[in-house]
């Protein structure tokens, strides 16, 4: 929490040298794994510390998800990635992750991984549920690519 509180102080509007952050923290998570437990508790704790946190429930009904999420990621000082057993099985989570890593490089965004019910080495070495998820994505996108070559869109 100390890192988040320091980021909060450094992202105040009076600081003219820092970029204008819309949120202090962006939470990236797999809803079915953590929305109603770990992520909800983390969001509540950040809110109690008055840390402005973006969570996807903030999206307006009918709002396009991709542009809104990209704007939220780009407008955050810190991204917390909650890596859970099914995180990698979500194409949306992986798209978010790519955008977060781009912002880490281009906007010096702070990225904090949280390993929730997964071993960090399983993520690093793509084992167990991460291995299965990436194999599924590879198969799915390979099939889509082959269909496109045949003149039919996926």
C-alpha atoms as a PDB file:
ATOM      1  CA  UNK A   1       0.000   0.000   0.000  1.00  0.00           C
ATOM      2  CA  UNK A   2       2.925   2.363   0.618  1.00  0.00           C
ATOM      3  CA  UNK A   3       3.873   2.275  -3.085  1.00  0.00           C
ATOM      4  CA  UNK A   4       0.286   3.040  -4.038  1.00  0.00           C
ATOM      5  CA  UNK A   5       0.098   5.889  -1.537  1.00  0.00           C
ATOM      6  CA  UNK A   6       3.357   7.375  -2.889  1.00  0.00           C
ATOM      7  CA  UNK A   7       1.928   7.106  -6.412  1.00  0.00           C
ATOM      8  CA  UNK A   8      -1.197   8.828  -5.154  1.00  0.00           C
ATOM      9  CA  UNK A   9       0.818  11.742  -3.812  1.00  0.00           C
ATOM     10  CA  UNK A  10       2.896  12.023  -6.990  1.00  0.00           C
ATOM     11  CA  UNK A  11      -0.159  12.020  -9.273  1.00  0.00           C
ATOM     12  CA  UNK A  12      -1.842  15.003  -7.681  1.00  0.00           C
ATOM     13  CA  UNK A  13      -3.067  17.714 -10.065  1.00  0.00           C
ATOM     14  CA  UNK A  14      -0.585  20.245  -8.625  1.00  0.00           C
ATOM     15  CA  UNK A  15       2.368  18.256  -9.965  1.00  0.00           C
ATOM     16  CA  UNK A  16       3.004  19.785 -13.395  1.00  0.00           C
ATOM     17  CA  UNK A  17       5.805  17.387 -14.395  1.00  0.00           C
ATOM     18  CA  UNK A  18       3.709  14.213 -14.287  1.00  0.00           C
ATOM     19  CA  UNK A  19       1.212  13.125 -16.950  1.00  0.00           C
ATOM     20  CA  UNK A  20      -2.481  13.635 -16.195  1.00  0.00           C
ATOM     21  CA  UNK A  21      -3.649  10.284 -14.788  1.00  0.00           C
ATOM     22  CA  UNK A  22      -7.371   9.529 -14.896  1.00  0.00           C
ATOM     23  CA  UNK A  23      -6.969   6.705 -12.378  1.00  0.00           C
ATOM     24  CA  UNK A  24      -4.202   5.853 -10.026  1.00  0.00           C
ATOM     25  CA  UNK A  25      -4.713   2.097 -10.462  1.00  0.00           C
ATOM     26  CA  UNK A  26      -6.104  -0.144 -13.206  1.00  0.00           C
ATOM     27  CA  UNK A  27      -7.108  -3.672 -12.147  1.00  0.00           C
ATOM     28  CA  UNK A  28      -6.688  -6.434 -14.737  1.00  0.00           C
ATOM     29  CA  UNK A  29      -8.312  -9.708 -13.694  1.00  0.00           C
ATOM     30  CA  UNK A  30     -10.300 -12.706 -14.897  1.00  0.00           C
ATOM     31  CA  UNK A  31     -13.802 -12.046 -13.608  1.00  0.00           C
ATOM     32  CA  UNK A  32     -14.901 -15.627 -13.135  1.00  0.00           C
ATOM     33  CA  UNK A  33     -11.816 -16.360 -11.025  1.00  0.00           C
ATOM     34  CA  UNK A  34     -11.561 -13.341  -8.740  1.00  0.00           C
ATOM     35  CA  UNK A  35     -14.285 -10.704  -9.249  1.00  0.00           C
ATOM     36  CA  UNK A  36     -16.367 -11.631  -6.186  1.00  0.00           C
ATOM     37  CA  UNK A  37     -13.514 -12.496  -3.850  1.00  0.00           C
ATOM     38  CA  UNK A  38      -9.895 -11.333  -4.113  1.00  0.00           C
ATOM     39  CA  UNK A  39     -10.485  -8.501  -6.591  1.00  0.00           C
ATOM     40  CA  UNK A  40     -13.517  -7.206  -4.703  1.00  0.00           C
ATOM     41  CA  UNK A  41     -11.521  -7.125  -1.462  1.00  0.00           C
ATOM     42  CA  UNK A  42      -8.547  -5.430  -3.129  1.00  0.00           C
ATOM     43  CA  UNK A  43     -10.777  -2.836  -4.784  1.00  0.00           C
ATOM     44  CA  UNK A  44     -12.496  -2.106  -1.453  1.00  0.00           C
ATOM     45  CA  UNK A  45      -9.148  -1.739   0.339  1.00  0.00           C
ATOM     46  CA  UNK A  46      -7.836   0.658  -2.321  1.00  0.00           C
ATOM     47  CA  UNK A  47     -11.082   2.641  -2.185  1.00  0.00           C
ATOM     48  CA  UNK A  48     -10.851   2.915   1.615  1.00  0.00           C
ATOM     49  CA  UNK A  49      -7.360   4.400   1.173  1.00  0.00           C
ATOM     50  CA  UNK A  50      -8.896   6.864  -1.319  1.00  0.00           C
ATOM     51  CA  UNK A  51      -6.863   5.422  -4.185  1.00  0.00           C
ATOM     52  CA  UNK A  52      -8.771   6.067  -7.421  1.00  0.00           C
ATOM     53  CA  UNK A  53      -9.042   2.600  -8.955  1.00  0.00           C
ATOM     54  CA  UNK A  54     -10.500   1.568 -12.313  1.00  0.00           C
ATOM     55  CA  UNK A  55     -12.353  -1.725 -12.378  1.00  0.00           C
ATOM     56  CA  UNK A  56     -14.370  -2.866 -15.384  1.00  0.00           C
ATOM     57  CA  UNK A  57     -17.685  -2.490 -13.560  1.00  0.00           C
ATOM     58  CA  UNK A  58     -17.191   1.241 -14.209  1.00  0.00           C
ATOM     59  CA  UNK A  59     -18.047   0.755 -17.882  1.00  0.00           C
ATOM     60  CA  UNK A  60     -21.329   2.298 -18.968  1.00  0.00           C
ATOM     61  CA  UNK A  61     -23.903  -0.045 -20.440  1.00  0.00           C
ATOM     62  CA  UNK A  62     -23.601  -0.026 -24.232  1.00  0.00           C
ATOM     63  CA  UNK A  63     -20.094   1.455 -24.113  1.00  0.00           C
ATOM     64  CA  UNK A  64     -17.625  -0.336 -26.355  1.00  0.00           C
ATOM     65  CA  UNK A  65     -15.327  -2.365 -24.178  1.00  0.00           C
ATOM     66  CA  UNK A  66     -12.058  -2.220 -26.120  1.00  0.00           C
ATOM     67  CA  UNK A  67     -11.637   1.559 -26.524  1.00  0.00           C
ATOM     68  CA  UNK A  68     -12.865   2.237 -22.983  1.00  0.00           C
ATOM     69  CA  UNK A  69     -10.492  -0.307 -21.466  1.00  0.00           C
ATOM     70  CA  UNK A  70      -7.564   0.957 -23.522  1.00  0.00           C
ATOM     71  CA  UNK A  71      -8.279   4.521 -22.380  1.00  0.00           C
ATOM     72  CA  UNK A  72      -8.517   3.347 -18.767  1.00  0.00           C
ATOM     73  CA  UNK A  73      -5.207   1.487 -19.031  1.00  0.00           C
ATOM     74  CA  UNK A  74      -3.464   4.441 -20.692  1.00  0.00           C
ATOM     75  CA  UNK A  75      -4.891   6.813 -18.086  1.00  0.00           C
ATOM     76  CA  UNK A  76      -3.640   4.851 -15.069  1.00  0.00           C
ATOM     77  CA  UNK A  77      -0.415   5.369 -13.149  1.00  0.00           C
ATOM     78  CA  UNK A  78      -0.284   1.748 -11.942  1.00  0.00           C
ATOM     79  CA  UNK A  79      -1.680  -1.503 -13.331  1.00  0.00           C
ATOM     80  CA  UNK A  80      -2.226  -4.442 -11.019  1.00  0.00           C
ATOM     81  CA  UNK A  81      -2.478  -7.715 -12.911  1.00  0.00           C
ATOM     82  CA  UNK A  82      -4.213 -10.400 -10.887  1.00  0.00           C
ATOM     83  CA  UNK A  83      -2.919 -13.620 -12.419  1.00  0.00           C
ATOM     84  CA  UNK A  84      -5.339 -16.409 -11.575  1.00  0.00           C
ATOM     85  CA  UNK A  85      -5.815 -19.959 -12.892  1.00  0.00           C
ATOM     86  CA  UNK A  86      -7.979 -18.916 -15.878  1.00  0.00           C
ATOM     87  CA  UNK A  87      -6.459 -15.484 -16.592  1.00  0.00           C
ATOM     88  CA  UNK A  88      -4.633 -16.671 -19.731  1.00  0.00           C
ATOM     89  CA  UNK A  89      -7.727 -18.418 -21.110  1.00  0.00           C
ATOM     90  CA  UNK A  90      -9.350 -15.009 -21.646  1.00  0.00           C
ATOM     91  CA  UNK A  91      -8.470 -13.308 -24.923  1.00  0.00           C
ATOM     92  CA  UNK A  92      -9.594  -9.993 -23.374  1.00  0.00           C
ATOM     93  CA  UNK A  93      -7.215 -10.438 -20.434  1.00  0.00           C
ATOM     94  CA  UNK A  94      -4.320 -11.093 -22.804  1.00  0.00           C
ATOM     95  CA  UNK A  95      -5.206  -8.056 -24.935  1.00  0.00           C
ATOM     96  CA  UNK A  96      -5.306  -5.960 -21.740  1.00  0.00           C
ATOM     97  CA  UNK A  97      -1.956  -7.396 -20.698  1.00  0.00           C
ATOM     98  CA  UNK A  98      -0.337  -6.440 -24.002  1.00  0.00           C
ATOM     99  CA  UNK A  99      -1.681  -2.884 -23.660  1.00  0.00           C
ATOM    100  CA  UNK A 100      -0.468  -2.680 -20.053  1.00  0.00           C
ATOM    101  CA  UNK A 101       3.026  -3.782 -21.079  1.00  0.00           C
ATOM    102  CA  UNK A 102       3.019  -1.215 -23.899  1.00  0.00           C
ATOM    103  CA  UNK A 103       2.128   1.483 -21.347  1.00  0.00           C
ATOM    104  CA  UNK A 104       4.896   0.250 -19.065  1.00  0.00           C
ATOM    105  CA  UNK A 105       7.358   0.974 -21.860  1.00  0.00           C
ATOM    106  CA  UNK A 106       5.860   4.147 -23.347  1.00  0.00           C
ATOM    107  CA  UNK A 107       4.325   5.836 -20.288  1.00  0.00           C
ATOM    108  CA  UNK A 108       6.537   4.380 -17.543  1.00  0.00           C
ATOM    109  CA  UNK A 109       3.432   2.869 -15.969  1.00  0.00           C
ATOM    110  CA  UNK A 110       4.129   0.826 -12.849  1.00  0.00           C
ATOM    111  CA  UNK A 111       3.030  -2.802 -13.262  1.00  0.00           C
ATOM    112  CA  UNK A 112       2.436  -5.013 -10.234  1.00  0.00           C
ATOM    113  CA  UNK A 113       1.670  -8.702 -10.769  1.00  0.00           C
ATOM    114  CA  UNK A 114      -0.335 -10.518  -8.110  1.00  0.00           C
ATOM    115  CA  UNK A 115      -0.329 -14.310  -8.215  1.00  0.00           C
ATOM    116  CA  UNK A 116      -3.711 -15.506  -6.982  1.00  0.00           C
ATOM    117  CA  UNK A 117      -3.924 -19.282  -6.616  1.00  0.00           C
ATOM    118  CA  UNK A 118      -1.191 -19.790  -9.227  1.00  0.00           C
ATOM    119  CA  UNK A 119       2.501 -20.498  -8.886  1.00  0.00           C
ATOM    120  CA  UNK A 120       4.596 -17.700 -10.433  1.00  0.00           C
ATOM    121  CA  UNK A 121       6.789 -20.334 -12.120  1.00  0.00           C
ATOM    122  CA  UNK A 122       3.694 -21.741 -13.876  1.00  0.00           C
ATOM    123  CA  UNK A 123       3.143 -18.312 -15.417  1.00  0.00           C
ATOM    124  CA  UNK A 124       6.822 -17.795 -16.272  1.00  0.00           C
ATOM    125  CA  UNK A 125       7.238 -21.241 -17.832  1.00  0.00           C
ATOM    126  CA  UNK A 126       3.662 -21.491 -19.171  1.00  0.00           C
ATOM    127  CA  UNK A 127       2.798 -24.692 -17.331  1.00  0.00           C
ATOM    128  CA  UNK A 128      -0.479 -26.175 -16.094  1.00  0.00           C
ATOM    129  CA  UNK A 129      -3.491 -23.904 -16.760  1.00  0.00           C
ATOM    130  CA  UNK A 130      -1.288 -21.352 -18.574  1.00  0.00           C
ATOM    131  CA  UNK A 131       0.116 -24.017 -20.888  1.00  0.00           C
ATOM    132  CA  UNK A 132      -3.396 -25.279 -21.634  1.00  0.00           C
ATOM    133  CA  UNK A 133      -4.726 -21.775 -22.299  1.00  0.00           C
ATOM    134  CA  UNK A 134      -1.916 -20.829 -24.693  1.00  0.00           C
ATOM    135  CA  UNK A 135      -2.250 -24.145 -26.549  1.00  0.00           C
ATOM    136  CA  UNK A 136      -5.993 -23.446 -26.953  1.00  0.00           C
ATOM    137  CA  UNK A 137      -5.335 -19.899 -28.222  1.00  0.00           C
ATOM    138  CA  UNK A 138      -2.701 -21.186 -30.638  1.00  0.00           C
ATOM    139  CA  UNK A 139      -5.067 -23.821 -31.994  1.00  0.00           C
ATOM    140  CA  UNK A 140      -7.969 -21.373 -32.294  1.00  0.00           C
ATOM    141  CA  UNK A 141      -5.960 -18.683 -34.032  1.00  0.00           C
ATOM    142  CA  UNK A 142      -4.260 -21.232 -36.290  1.00  0.00           C
ATOM    143  CA  UNK A 143      -7.714 -22.401 -37.417  1.00  0.00           C
ATOM    144  CA  UNK A 144      -8.800 -18.776 -37.964  1.00  0.00           C
ATOM    145  CA  UNK A 145      -5.656 -18.069 -39.964  1.00  0.00           C
ATOM    146  CA  UNK A 146      -6.201 -21.148 -42.158  1.00  0.00           C
ATOM    147  CA  UNK A 147      -9.830 -20.136 -42.804  1.00  0.00           C
ATOM    148  CA  UNK A 148      -8.673 -16.673 -43.860  1.00  0.00           C
ATOM    149  CA  UNK A 149      -6.235 -18.190 -46.349  1.00  0.00           C
ATOM    150  CA  UNK A 150      -9.140 -20.087 -47.858  1.00  0.00           C
ATOM    151  CA  UNK A 151     -10.886 -16.796 -48.584  1.00  0.00           C
ATOM    152  CA  UNK A 152     -13.343 -16.984 -45.685  1.00  0.00           C
ATOM    153  CA  UNK A 153     -13.032 -14.636 -42.737  1.00  0.00           C
ATOM    154  CA  UNK A 154     -12.895 -16.215 -39.269  1.00  0.00           C
END
